[in-house]
N, C-alpha and C. Protein backbone atom coordinates (compact mmCIF):
# COMPACT_ATOMS: atom_id res chain seq x y z
N MET A 1 0.82 -1.19 0.00
CA MET A 1 0.00 0.00 0.00
C MET A 1 0.87 1.26 0.00
N ARG A 2 1.94 1.19 0.77
CA ARG A 2 2.84 2.33 0.85
C ARG A 2 3.54 2.54 -0.49
N LEU A 3 3.86 1.44 -1.12
CA LEU A 3 4.51 1.52 -2.41
C LEU A 3 3.59 2.15 -3.45
N ARG A 4 2.34 1.80 -3.37
CA ARG A 4 1.37 2.39 -4.31
C ARG A 4 1.25 3.90 -4.09
N ARG A 5 1.21 4.30 -2.86
CA ARG A 5 1.12 5.74 -2.56
C ARG A 5 2.37 6.45 -3.07
N LEU A 6 3.49 5.82 -2.87
CA LEU A 6 4.74 6.41 -3.35
C LEU A 6 4.72 6.54 -4.87
N ALA A 7 4.19 5.47 -5.53
CA ALA A 7 4.12 5.50 -6.99
C ALA A 7 3.16 6.59 -7.46
N VAL A 8 2.04 6.72 -6.76
CA VAL A 8 1.06 7.73 -7.14
C VAL A 8 1.66 9.12 -6.98
N CYS A 9 2.39 9.32 -5.90
CA CYS A 9 3.00 10.64 -5.67
C CYS A 9 4.18 10.89 -6.62
N ALA A 10 4.91 9.84 -6.95
CA ALA A 10 6.10 10.01 -7.79
C ALA A 10 5.77 10.10 -9.27
N ALA A 11 4.61 9.60 -9.69
CA ALA A 11 4.25 9.57 -11.10
C ALA A 11 4.25 10.95 -11.74
N PRO A 12 3.66 11.95 -11.16
CA PRO A 12 3.69 13.26 -11.82
C PRO A 12 5.10 13.81 -11.96
N SER A 13 5.94 13.59 -10.93
CA SER A 13 7.31 14.12 -11.05
C SER A 13 8.09 13.34 -12.10
N ALA A 14 7.86 12.01 -12.21
CA ALA A 14 8.54 11.22 -13.25
C ALA A 14 8.10 11.67 -14.63
N PHE A 15 6.83 11.99 -14.79
CA PHE A 15 6.33 12.47 -16.07
C PHE A 15 6.99 13.79 -16.44
N SER A 16 7.10 14.69 -15.47
CA SER A 16 7.75 15.97 -15.77
C SER A 16 9.24 15.78 -16.07
N TRP A 17 9.91 14.82 -15.41
CA TRP A 17 11.32 14.52 -15.71
C TRP A 17 11.44 13.98 -17.13
N ALA A 18 10.50 13.13 -17.52
CA ALA A 18 10.55 12.56 -18.88
C ALA A 18 10.41 13.65 -19.93
N LEU A 19 9.51 14.57 -19.73
CA LEU A 19 9.34 15.68 -20.68
C LEU A 19 10.59 16.56 -20.72
N ALA A 20 11.13 16.84 -19.55
CA ALA A 20 12.33 17.69 -19.48
C ALA A 20 13.50 16.99 -20.18
N GLY A 21 13.61 15.66 -19.95
CA GLY A 21 14.70 14.90 -20.58
C GLY A 21 14.59 14.90 -22.10
N SER A 22 13.37 14.75 -22.61
CA SER A 22 13.21 14.74 -24.07
C SER A 22 13.50 16.11 -24.65
N ALA A 23 13.13 17.14 -23.94
CA ALA A 23 13.43 18.50 -24.42
C ALA A 23 14.93 18.73 -24.41
N LEU A 24 15.62 18.23 -23.41
CA LEU A 24 17.08 18.39 -23.30
C LEU A 24 17.77 17.60 -24.43
N ALA A 25 17.30 16.39 -24.67
CA ALA A 25 17.89 15.56 -25.73
C ALA A 25 17.69 16.22 -27.09
N ALA A 26 16.57 16.79 -27.33
CA ALA A 26 16.30 17.45 -28.60
C ALA A 26 17.18 18.67 -28.75
N ALA A 27 17.45 19.35 -27.66
CA ALA A 27 18.28 20.55 -27.71
C ALA A 27 19.73 20.16 -28.00
N GLU A 28 20.21 19.04 -27.49
CA GLU A 28 21.59 18.61 -27.71
C GLU A 28 21.80 18.24 -29.18
N HIS A 29 20.83 17.68 -29.80
CA HIS A 29 20.99 17.25 -31.18
C HIS A 29 20.68 18.37 -32.15
N GLY A 30 20.26 19.48 -31.64
CA GLY A 30 19.98 20.62 -32.50
C GLY A 30 18.69 20.47 -33.26
N GLU A 31 17.81 19.74 -32.77
CA GLU A 31 16.55 19.48 -33.47
C GLU A 31 15.42 20.23 -32.78
N HIS A 32 15.47 21.50 -32.87
CA HIS A 32 14.45 22.31 -32.19
C HIS A 32 13.14 22.23 -32.94
N ALA A 33 13.18 22.36 -34.20
CA ALA A 33 11.94 22.50 -34.95
C ALA A 33 11.31 21.16 -35.24
N ALA A 34 12.04 20.17 -35.64
CA ALA A 34 11.43 18.91 -36.03
C ALA A 34 12.10 17.77 -35.27
N ALA A 35 11.33 17.01 -34.60
CA ALA A 35 11.85 15.87 -33.86
C ALA A 35 11.74 14.65 -34.75
N SER A 36 12.65 13.70 -34.59
CA SER A 36 12.63 12.51 -35.43
C SER A 36 11.46 11.63 -35.02
N PRO A 37 10.94 10.84 -35.96
CA PRO A 37 9.81 9.98 -35.63
C PRO A 37 10.17 8.96 -34.57
N MET A 38 11.38 8.55 -34.54
CA MET A 38 11.77 7.58 -33.53
C MET A 38 11.72 8.18 -32.14
N LEU A 39 12.10 9.43 -32.05
CA LEU A 39 12.06 10.10 -30.75
C LEU A 39 10.62 10.23 -30.27
N ILE A 40 9.74 10.49 -31.21
CA ILE A 40 8.32 10.60 -30.85
C ILE A 40 7.81 9.25 -30.37
N VAL A 41 8.25 8.17 -31.03
CA VAL A 41 7.82 6.83 -30.63
C VAL A 41 8.35 6.53 -29.24
N TYR A 42 9.61 6.88 -28.96
CA TYR A 42 10.16 6.65 -27.62
C TYR A 42 9.38 7.43 -26.57
N HIS A 43 9.12 8.63 -26.91
CA HIS A 43 8.35 9.46 -25.95
C HIS A 43 6.95 8.91 -25.75
N ALA A 44 6.32 8.48 -26.85
CA ALA A 44 4.97 7.93 -26.74
C ALA A 44 5.01 6.65 -25.93
N PHE A 45 6.06 5.81 -26.16
CA PHE A 45 6.18 4.59 -25.40
C PHE A 45 6.40 4.91 -23.91
N GLY A 46 7.24 5.87 -23.63
CA GLY A 46 7.49 6.27 -22.24
C GLY A 46 6.22 6.80 -21.58
N LEU A 47 5.47 7.56 -22.36
CA LEU A 47 4.22 8.10 -21.82
C LEU A 47 3.23 6.98 -21.56
N ALA A 48 3.16 6.00 -22.49
CA ALA A 48 2.25 4.87 -22.31
C ALA A 48 2.65 4.06 -21.10
N VAL A 49 3.96 3.84 -20.91
CA VAL A 49 4.42 3.10 -19.73
C VAL A 49 4.06 3.87 -18.47
N LEU A 50 4.29 5.18 -18.50
CA LEU A 50 3.98 6.00 -17.32
C LEU A 50 2.49 5.96 -17.00
N ILE A 51 1.67 6.07 -18.04
CA ILE A 51 0.21 6.01 -17.82
C ILE A 51 -0.17 4.63 -17.33
N GLY A 52 0.44 3.57 -17.87
CA GLY A 52 0.16 2.21 -17.42
C GLY A 52 0.52 2.03 -15.95
N VAL A 53 1.72 2.55 -15.57
CA VAL A 53 2.14 2.45 -14.17
C VAL A 53 1.16 3.22 -13.29
N LEU A 54 0.81 4.40 -13.75
CA LEU A 54 -0.15 5.20 -12.96
C LEU A 54 -1.48 4.47 -12.80
N VAL A 55 -1.97 3.91 -13.89
CA VAL A 55 -3.25 3.20 -13.82
C VAL A 55 -3.12 1.98 -12.93
N TYR A 56 -2.02 1.25 -13.07
CA TYR A 56 -1.85 0.04 -12.28
C TYR A 56 -1.79 0.36 -10.78
N PHE A 57 -0.97 1.32 -10.44
CA PHE A 57 -0.79 1.61 -9.02
C PHE A 57 -1.87 2.55 -8.44
N ALA A 58 -2.40 3.40 -9.25
CA ALA A 58 -3.35 4.39 -8.73
C ALA A 58 -4.79 3.96 -8.89
N ARG A 59 -5.03 2.90 -9.65
CA ARG A 59 -6.41 2.47 -9.89
C ARG A 59 -7.12 2.12 -8.59
N ALA A 60 -6.52 1.27 -7.76
CA ALA A 60 -7.17 0.84 -6.52
C ALA A 60 -7.39 2.02 -5.57
N PRO A 61 -6.36 2.87 -5.34
CA PRO A 61 -6.63 4.01 -4.44
C PRO A 61 -7.67 4.97 -5.01
N ILE A 62 -7.65 5.15 -6.34
CA ILE A 62 -8.64 6.04 -6.94
C ILE A 62 -10.03 5.43 -6.82
N GLN A 63 -10.12 4.11 -7.07
CA GLN A 63 -11.41 3.45 -6.93
C GLN A 63 -11.90 3.52 -5.48
N THR A 64 -10.97 3.27 -4.55
CA THR A 64 -11.34 3.35 -3.13
C THR A 64 -11.78 4.77 -2.79
N PHE A 65 -10.99 5.75 -3.26
CA PHE A 65 -11.35 7.15 -3.00
C PHE A 65 -12.73 7.47 -3.58
N MET A 66 -12.95 7.05 -4.84
CA MET A 66 -14.23 7.34 -5.48
C MET A 66 -15.38 6.63 -4.77
N ARG A 67 -15.15 5.36 -4.36
CA ARG A 67 -16.18 4.61 -3.66
C ARG A 67 -16.48 5.29 -2.31
N ASP A 68 -15.39 5.65 -1.59
CA ASP A 68 -15.57 6.33 -0.31
C ASP A 68 -16.28 7.67 -0.49
N ARG A 69 -15.86 8.38 -1.52
CA ARG A 69 -16.48 9.68 -1.79
C ARG A 69 -17.94 9.49 -2.16
N SER A 70 -18.23 8.46 -2.97
CA SER A 70 -19.61 8.17 -3.35
C SER A 70 -20.44 7.79 -2.13
N ASP A 71 -19.85 6.92 -1.28
CA ASP A 71 -20.56 6.53 -0.05
C ASP A 71 -20.81 7.74 0.86
N THR A 72 -19.79 8.58 0.96
CA THR A 72 -19.93 9.78 1.79
C THR A 72 -21.03 10.69 1.24
N LEU A 73 -21.00 10.88 -0.07
CA LEU A 73 -22.03 11.72 -0.68
C LEU A 73 -23.42 11.10 -0.53
N ARG A 74 -23.49 9.76 -0.67
CA ARG A 74 -24.77 9.06 -0.51
C ARG A 74 -25.29 9.22 0.92
N ARG A 75 -24.36 9.05 1.91
CA ARG A 75 -24.75 9.23 3.32
C ARG A 75 -25.20 10.66 3.59
N GLN A 76 -24.42 11.61 3.03
CA GLN A 76 -24.80 13.01 3.22
C GLN A 76 -26.15 13.32 2.58
N LEU A 77 -26.37 12.72 1.39
CA LEU A 77 -27.65 12.91 0.73
C LEU A 77 -28.78 12.29 1.54
N GLU A 78 -28.55 11.10 2.07
CA GLU A 78 -29.56 10.43 2.90
C GLU A 78 -29.83 11.24 4.18
N THR A 79 -28.75 11.73 4.79
CA THR A 79 -28.90 12.55 6.00
C THR A 79 -29.67 13.83 5.68
N ALA A 80 -29.34 14.45 4.54
CA ALA A 80 -30.05 15.67 4.14
C ALA A 80 -31.52 15.36 3.86
N LYS A 81 -31.78 14.20 3.23
CA LYS A 81 -33.15 13.80 2.93
C LYS A 81 -33.93 13.59 4.23
N GLN A 82 -33.31 12.90 5.20
CA GLN A 82 -33.97 12.69 6.49
C GLN A 82 -34.20 14.01 7.22
N ALA A 83 -33.21 14.91 7.15
CA ALA A 83 -33.36 16.22 7.79
C ALA A 83 -34.49 17.00 7.13
N LEU A 84 -34.58 16.89 5.79
CA LEU A 84 -35.66 17.56 5.07
C LEU A 84 -37.02 16.99 5.49
N GLU A 85 -37.09 15.65 5.58
CA GLU A 85 -38.35 15.02 5.99
C GLU A 85 -38.73 15.45 7.40
N ARG A 86 -37.71 15.50 8.31
CA ARG A 86 -37.99 15.95 9.68
C ARG A 86 -38.46 17.39 9.69
N ALA A 87 -37.79 18.22 8.88
CA ALA A 87 -38.17 19.64 8.81
C ALA A 87 -39.59 19.80 8.25
N GLU A 88 -39.91 19.01 7.22
CA GLU A 88 -41.26 19.07 6.65
C GLU A 88 -42.30 18.60 7.66
N ALA A 89 -41.97 17.52 8.41
CA ALA A 89 -42.89 17.03 9.45
C ALA A 89 -43.08 18.08 10.54
N THR A 90 -41.97 18.70 10.93
CA THR A 90 -42.06 19.76 11.94
C THR A 90 -42.88 20.93 11.42
N ASN A 91 -42.69 21.27 10.15
CA ASN A 91 -43.46 22.34 9.54
C ASN A 91 -44.95 22.00 9.50
N ARG A 92 -45.27 20.74 9.13
CA ARG A 92 -46.68 20.32 9.11
C ARG A 92 -47.27 20.40 10.52
N GLU A 93 -46.51 19.93 11.51
CA GLU A 93 -46.99 20.00 12.90
C GLU A 93 -47.21 21.44 13.33
N ALA A 94 -46.26 22.30 12.98
CA ALA A 94 -46.39 23.72 13.36
C ALA A 94 -47.60 24.34 12.68
N ASN A 95 -47.80 24.02 11.39
CA ASN A 95 -48.97 24.55 10.68
C ASN A 95 -50.26 24.02 11.29
N ALA A 96 -50.27 22.73 11.64
CA ALA A 96 -51.46 22.15 12.28
C ALA A 96 -51.71 22.83 13.62
N ARG A 97 -50.63 23.05 14.39
CA ARG A 97 -50.77 23.74 15.68
C ARG A 97 -51.30 25.15 15.49
N LEU A 98 -50.76 25.85 14.48
CA LEU A 98 -51.22 27.22 14.21
C LEU A 98 -52.70 27.23 13.82
N THR A 99 -53.09 26.28 12.98
CA THR A 99 -54.49 26.19 12.58
C THR A 99 -55.37 25.90 13.79
N ARG A 100 -54.92 24.95 14.62
CA ARG A 100 -55.68 24.60 15.83
C ARG A 100 -55.78 25.80 16.77
N LEU A 101 -54.66 26.52 16.93
CA LEU A 101 -54.67 27.70 17.80
C LEU A 101 -55.59 28.79 17.24
N ALA A 102 -55.58 28.95 15.92
CA ALA A 102 -56.47 29.95 15.31
C ALA A 102 -57.92 29.56 15.55
N ASP A 103 -58.24 28.26 15.38
CA ASP A 103 -59.61 27.80 15.64
C ASP A 103 -59.98 28.00 17.10
N GLU A 104 -59.05 27.65 18.01
CA GLU A 104 -59.32 27.84 19.43
C GLU A 104 -59.50 29.31 19.76
N ASN A 105 -58.69 30.16 19.12
CA ASN A 105 -58.80 31.60 19.35
C ASN A 105 -60.17 32.11 18.90
N GLU A 106 -60.61 31.67 17.71
CA GLU A 106 -61.93 32.07 17.23
C GLU A 106 -63.02 31.59 18.17
N ALA A 107 -62.89 30.34 18.65
CA ALA A 107 -63.88 29.80 19.58
C ALA A 107 -63.88 30.61 20.88
N LEU A 108 -62.70 30.97 21.36
CA LEU A 108 -62.62 31.77 22.58
C LEU A 108 -63.26 33.14 22.39
N VAL A 109 -63.02 33.74 21.23
CA VAL A 109 -63.63 35.05 20.94
C VAL A 109 -65.14 34.92 20.90
N ARG A 110 -65.64 33.87 20.22
CA ARG A 110 -67.09 33.66 20.17
C ARG A 110 -67.65 33.43 21.56
N ASP A 111 -66.98 32.57 22.35
CA ASP A 111 -67.44 32.30 23.72
C ASP A 111 -67.43 33.57 24.57
N ALA A 112 -66.36 34.36 24.40
CA ALA A 112 -66.27 35.60 25.18
C ALA A 112 -67.40 36.56 24.78
N ALA A 113 -67.70 36.64 23.50
CA ALA A 113 -68.79 37.51 23.04
C ALA A 113 -70.13 37.03 23.59
N GLN A 114 -70.35 35.70 23.56
CA GLN A 114 -71.59 35.15 24.11
C GLN A 114 -71.67 35.39 25.61
N GLN A 115 -70.55 35.17 26.29
CA GLN A 115 -70.52 35.38 27.74
C GLN A 115 -70.76 36.85 28.07
N ALA A 116 -70.18 37.74 27.27
CA ALA A 116 -70.39 39.18 27.49
C ALA A 116 -71.86 39.54 27.28
N GLU A 117 -72.48 38.95 26.27
CA GLU A 117 -73.90 39.20 26.03
C GLU A 117 -74.75 38.68 27.19
N ILE A 118 -74.41 37.49 27.68
CA ILE A 118 -75.13 36.93 28.83
C ILE A 118 -74.96 37.82 30.05
N GLU A 119 -73.72 38.25 30.29
CA GLU A 119 -73.45 39.13 31.44
C GLU A 119 -74.18 40.45 31.29
N LYS A 120 -74.23 40.97 30.06
CA LYS A 120 -74.95 42.22 29.80
C LYS A 120 -76.42 42.04 30.15
N THR A 121 -77.01 40.93 29.69
CA THR A 121 -78.42 40.65 29.97
C THR A 121 -78.64 40.51 31.48
N ARG A 122 -77.75 39.79 32.14
CA ARG A 122 -77.88 39.63 33.60
C ARG A 122 -77.76 40.97 34.31
N ALA A 123 -76.79 41.80 33.86
CA ALA A 123 -76.60 43.10 34.49
C ALA A 123 -77.84 43.97 34.31
N ILE A 124 -78.44 43.92 33.12
CA ILE A 124 -79.66 44.69 32.88
C ILE A 124 -80.78 44.18 33.77
N GLU A 125 -80.91 42.85 33.88
CA GLU A 125 -81.94 42.27 34.75
C GLU A 125 -81.71 42.66 36.21
N ARG A 126 -80.44 42.60 36.66
CA ARG A 126 -80.15 43.00 38.04
C ARG A 126 -80.48 44.47 38.26
N ALA A 127 -80.13 45.31 37.25
CA ALA A 127 -80.43 46.74 37.37
C ALA A 127 -81.93 46.98 37.42
N ARG A 128 -82.68 46.26 36.59
CA ARG A 128 -84.15 46.40 36.60
C ARG A 128 -84.71 45.95 37.94
N ALA A 129 -84.20 44.81 38.44
CA ALA A 129 -84.68 44.31 39.74
C ALA A 129 -84.34 45.30 40.85
N ALA A 130 -83.13 45.86 40.81
CA ALA A 130 -82.74 46.84 41.83
C ALA A 130 -83.62 48.08 41.72
N ALA A 131 -83.88 48.54 40.49
CA ALA A 131 -84.74 49.71 40.31
C ALA A 131 -86.15 49.42 40.83
N GLU A 132 -86.65 48.21 40.57
CA GLU A 132 -87.98 47.82 41.06
C GLU A 132 -87.99 47.77 42.59
N ARG A 133 -86.90 47.24 43.18
CA ARG A 133 -86.82 47.21 44.65
C ARG A 133 -86.80 48.63 45.22
N VAL A 134 -86.05 49.52 44.55
CA VAL A 134 -85.99 50.91 45.02
C VAL A 134 -87.37 51.56 44.91
N ARG A 135 -88.06 51.31 43.77
CA ARG A 135 -89.42 51.86 43.61
C ARG A 135 -90.36 51.32 44.67
N GLU A 136 -90.28 50.01 44.89
CA GLU A 136 -91.15 49.37 45.89
C GLU A 136 -90.85 49.92 47.29
N GLU A 137 -89.56 50.06 47.58
CA GLU A 137 -89.16 50.60 48.88
C GLU A 137 -89.65 52.05 49.02
N ALA A 138 -89.50 52.83 47.94
CA ALA A 138 -89.98 54.22 47.97
C ALA A 138 -91.49 54.25 48.14
N ARG A 139 -92.21 53.34 47.46
CA ARG A 139 -93.67 53.27 47.60
C ARG A 139 -94.06 52.92 49.03
N ARG A 140 -93.36 51.89 49.58
CA ARG A 140 -93.64 51.50 50.97
C ARG A 140 -93.35 52.65 51.93
N SER A 141 -92.21 53.29 51.69
CA SER A 141 -91.83 54.40 52.56
C SER A 141 -92.85 55.53 52.45
N ALA A 142 -93.30 55.80 51.22
CA ALA A 142 -94.32 56.85 51.03
C ALA A 142 -95.62 56.45 51.71
N ASP A 143 -96.01 55.16 51.56
CA ASP A 143 -97.24 54.68 52.21
C ASP A 143 -97.13 54.80 53.72
N GLN A 144 -95.97 54.46 54.26
CA GLN A 144 -95.76 54.56 55.71
C GLN A 144 -95.84 56.01 56.15
N GLU A 145 -95.21 56.89 55.34
CA GLU A 145 -95.27 58.32 55.69
C GLU A 145 -96.71 58.84 55.62
N ILE A 146 -97.44 58.37 54.62
CA ILE A 146 -98.85 58.79 54.50
C ILE A 146 -99.64 58.28 55.70
N GLU A 147 -99.41 57.00 56.07
CA GLU A 147 -100.12 56.42 57.22
C GLU A 147 -99.76 57.17 58.50
N ARG A 148 -98.46 57.47 58.66
CA ARG A 148 -98.04 58.20 59.87
C ARG A 148 -98.67 59.59 59.89
N ALA A 149 -98.65 60.26 58.71
CA ALA A 149 -99.27 61.59 58.64
C ALA A 149 -100.77 61.50 58.91
N ARG A 150 -101.42 60.46 58.37
CA ARG A 150 -102.85 60.26 58.58
C ARG A 150 -103.13 60.04 60.07
N ALA A 151 -102.26 59.17 60.69
CA ALA A 151 -102.45 58.90 62.12
C ALA A 151 -102.25 60.18 62.94
N GLU A 152 -101.23 60.95 62.55
CA GLU A 152 -101.00 62.22 63.26
C GLU A 152 -102.18 63.17 63.06
N LEU A 153 -102.68 63.18 61.80
CA LEU A 153 -103.84 64.05 61.53
C LEU A 153 -105.07 63.59 62.33
N GLN A 154 -105.28 62.25 62.37
CA GLN A 154 -106.42 61.73 63.13
C GLN A 154 -106.25 62.04 64.61
N SER A 155 -105.01 61.86 65.07
CA SER A 155 -104.75 62.15 66.48
C SER A 155 -104.98 63.63 66.76
N GLU A 156 -104.49 64.46 65.86
CA GLU A 156 -104.68 65.91 66.03
C GLU A 156 -106.16 66.26 65.92
N ALA A 157 -106.84 65.63 64.97
CA ALA A 157 -108.29 65.89 64.82
C ALA A 157 -109.04 65.45 66.06
N ALA A 158 -108.64 64.28 66.60
CA ALA A 158 -109.31 63.79 67.82
C ALA A 158 -109.03 64.74 68.98
N ARG A 159 -107.80 65.19 69.10
CA ARG A 159 -107.46 66.11 70.18
C ARG A 159 -108.24 67.42 70.03
N LEU A 160 -108.26 67.89 68.76
CA LEU A 160 -109.02 69.13 68.54
C LEU A 160 -110.51 68.92 68.80
N ALA A 161 -111.01 67.75 68.35
CA ALA A 161 -112.44 67.46 68.57
C ALA A 161 -112.73 67.37 70.06
N THR A 162 -111.82 66.72 70.79
CA THR A 162 -112.01 66.60 72.24
C THR A 162 -111.95 67.98 72.89
N SER A 163 -110.98 68.73 72.46
CA SER A 163 -110.82 70.08 73.02
C SER A 163 -112.03 70.93 72.69
N LEU A 164 -112.49 70.83 71.43
CA LEU A 164 -113.66 71.59 71.01
C LEU A 164 -114.90 71.11 71.72
N ALA A 165 -115.03 69.79 71.84
CA ALA A 165 -116.20 69.24 72.53
C ALA A 165 -116.19 69.66 73.99
N GLY A 166 -114.99 69.63 74.59
CA GLY A 166 -114.90 70.07 75.99
C GLY A 166 -115.28 71.54 76.14
N GLU A 167 -114.84 72.31 75.17
CA GLU A 167 -115.16 73.74 75.20
C GLU A 167 -116.66 73.96 75.04
N ILE A 168 -117.26 73.19 74.10
CA ILE A 168 -118.72 73.31 73.88
C ILE A 168 -119.45 72.85 75.11
N VAL A 169 -119.00 71.76 75.69
CA VAL A 169 -119.68 71.22 76.89
C VAL A 169 -119.55 72.25 78.01
N ARG A 170 -118.43 72.83 78.20
CA ARG A 170 -118.24 73.81 79.27
C ARG A 170 -119.13 75.04 79.07
N GLN A 171 -119.26 75.42 77.84
CA GLN A 171 -120.10 76.58 77.58
C GLN A 171 -121.58 76.24 77.79
N ASN A 172 -122.00 75.06 77.45
CA ASN A 172 -123.41 74.68 77.50
C ASN A 172 -123.76 73.94 78.81
N LEU A 173 -122.81 73.62 79.59
CA LEU A 173 -123.08 72.83 80.80
C LEU A 173 -123.42 73.78 81.95
N ASN A 174 -124.47 73.46 82.63
CA ASN A 174 -124.84 74.24 83.81
C ASN A 174 -124.64 73.39 85.04
N ALA A 175 -125.02 73.88 86.20
CA ALA A 175 -124.81 73.19 87.47
C ALA A 175 -125.64 71.94 87.55
N GLN A 176 -126.85 71.95 87.08
CA GLN A 176 -127.70 70.77 87.13
C GLN A 176 -127.11 69.66 86.25
N ASP A 177 -126.63 70.02 85.08
CA ASP A 177 -126.05 69.02 84.18
C ASP A 177 -124.81 68.40 84.82
N GLU A 178 -124.05 69.20 85.53
CA GLU A 178 -122.84 68.69 86.18
C GLU A 178 -123.22 67.68 87.24
N GLU A 179 -124.24 67.97 88.03
CA GLU A 179 -124.67 67.05 89.09
C GLU A 179 -125.20 65.77 88.47
N ARG A 180 -125.97 65.88 87.46
CA ARG A 180 -126.53 64.71 86.82
C ARG A 180 -125.41 63.85 86.23
N LEU A 181 -124.41 64.40 85.56
CA LEU A 181 -123.30 63.65 85.00
C LEU A 181 -122.50 62.99 86.10
N LEU A 182 -122.31 63.71 87.22
CA LEU A 182 -121.56 63.16 88.34
C LEU A 182 -122.28 61.98 88.93
N SER A 183 -123.57 62.05 89.09
CA SER A 183 -124.32 60.94 89.66
C SER A 183 -124.34 59.76 88.71
N GLU A 184 -124.43 59.98 87.40
CA GLU A 184 -124.40 58.87 86.42
C GLU A 184 -123.03 58.18 86.47
N PHE A 185 -121.97 58.96 86.62
CA PHE A 185 -120.63 58.40 86.69
C PHE A 185 -120.48 57.53 87.92
N VAL A 186 -120.97 58.02 89.05
CA VAL A 186 -120.87 57.28 90.31
C VAL A 186 -121.68 56.00 90.17
N GLU A 187 -122.82 56.08 89.62
CA GLU A 187 -123.67 54.91 89.44
C GLU A 187 -122.97 53.85 88.56
N ARG A 188 -122.34 54.24 87.47
CA ARG A 188 -121.63 53.32 86.58
C ARG A 188 -120.48 52.68 87.29
N VAL A 189 -119.75 53.46 88.05
CA VAL A 189 -118.59 52.93 88.76
C VAL A 189 -119.08 51.95 89.81
N GLY A 190 -120.16 52.24 90.43
CA GLY A 190 -120.72 51.34 91.45
C GLY A 190 -121.16 50.02 90.84
N ARG A 191 -121.70 50.02 89.66
CA ARG A 191 -122.14 48.79 89.01
C ARG A 191 -120.99 47.92 88.56
N THR A 192 -119.91 48.53 88.14
CA THR A 192 -118.76 47.74 87.69
C THR A 192 -117.97 47.17 88.85
N SER A 193 -118.04 47.76 90.03
CA SER A 193 -117.32 47.24 91.14
C SER A 193 -118.14 46.22 91.78
């Protein structure tokens, strides 16, 4: 394995040495413009040998590298696919949650509006009942005041009537009437005892 790595690393430098050597050989022979066909064949043969050596020694590491790279890319693709599926599932869940929350929010708003309407109706009913109680209390209080005033008036009328009657009796009562009333009173008291 180490030898193969060495060959893979040394192959490019050997190729560059071969090119440099052929250029040097051509310069020594003074053949700058046209190279002999034999020299081209030698160079082609050297290049073919170099490519053969490179293929022989570098084929397995290149295949291993390509297989590893392919496996790595496949794993990365699979991981990305799974991450995408998870992200899509999370997105679907989030959208479902948002939809559910929007529905719940609408239901809460409807319930709150209904509850507010019920509370409004109850408050109006309580206010009407309170107003009716106040009216009834005011009516009772007025009736009591009227009764008290009536009783006071009757009491005052009775007192005035008694006072007036006493005054009339005093003016019209003579001594004989006084004696007769006194004897009737004594007689009544005697009968009750």
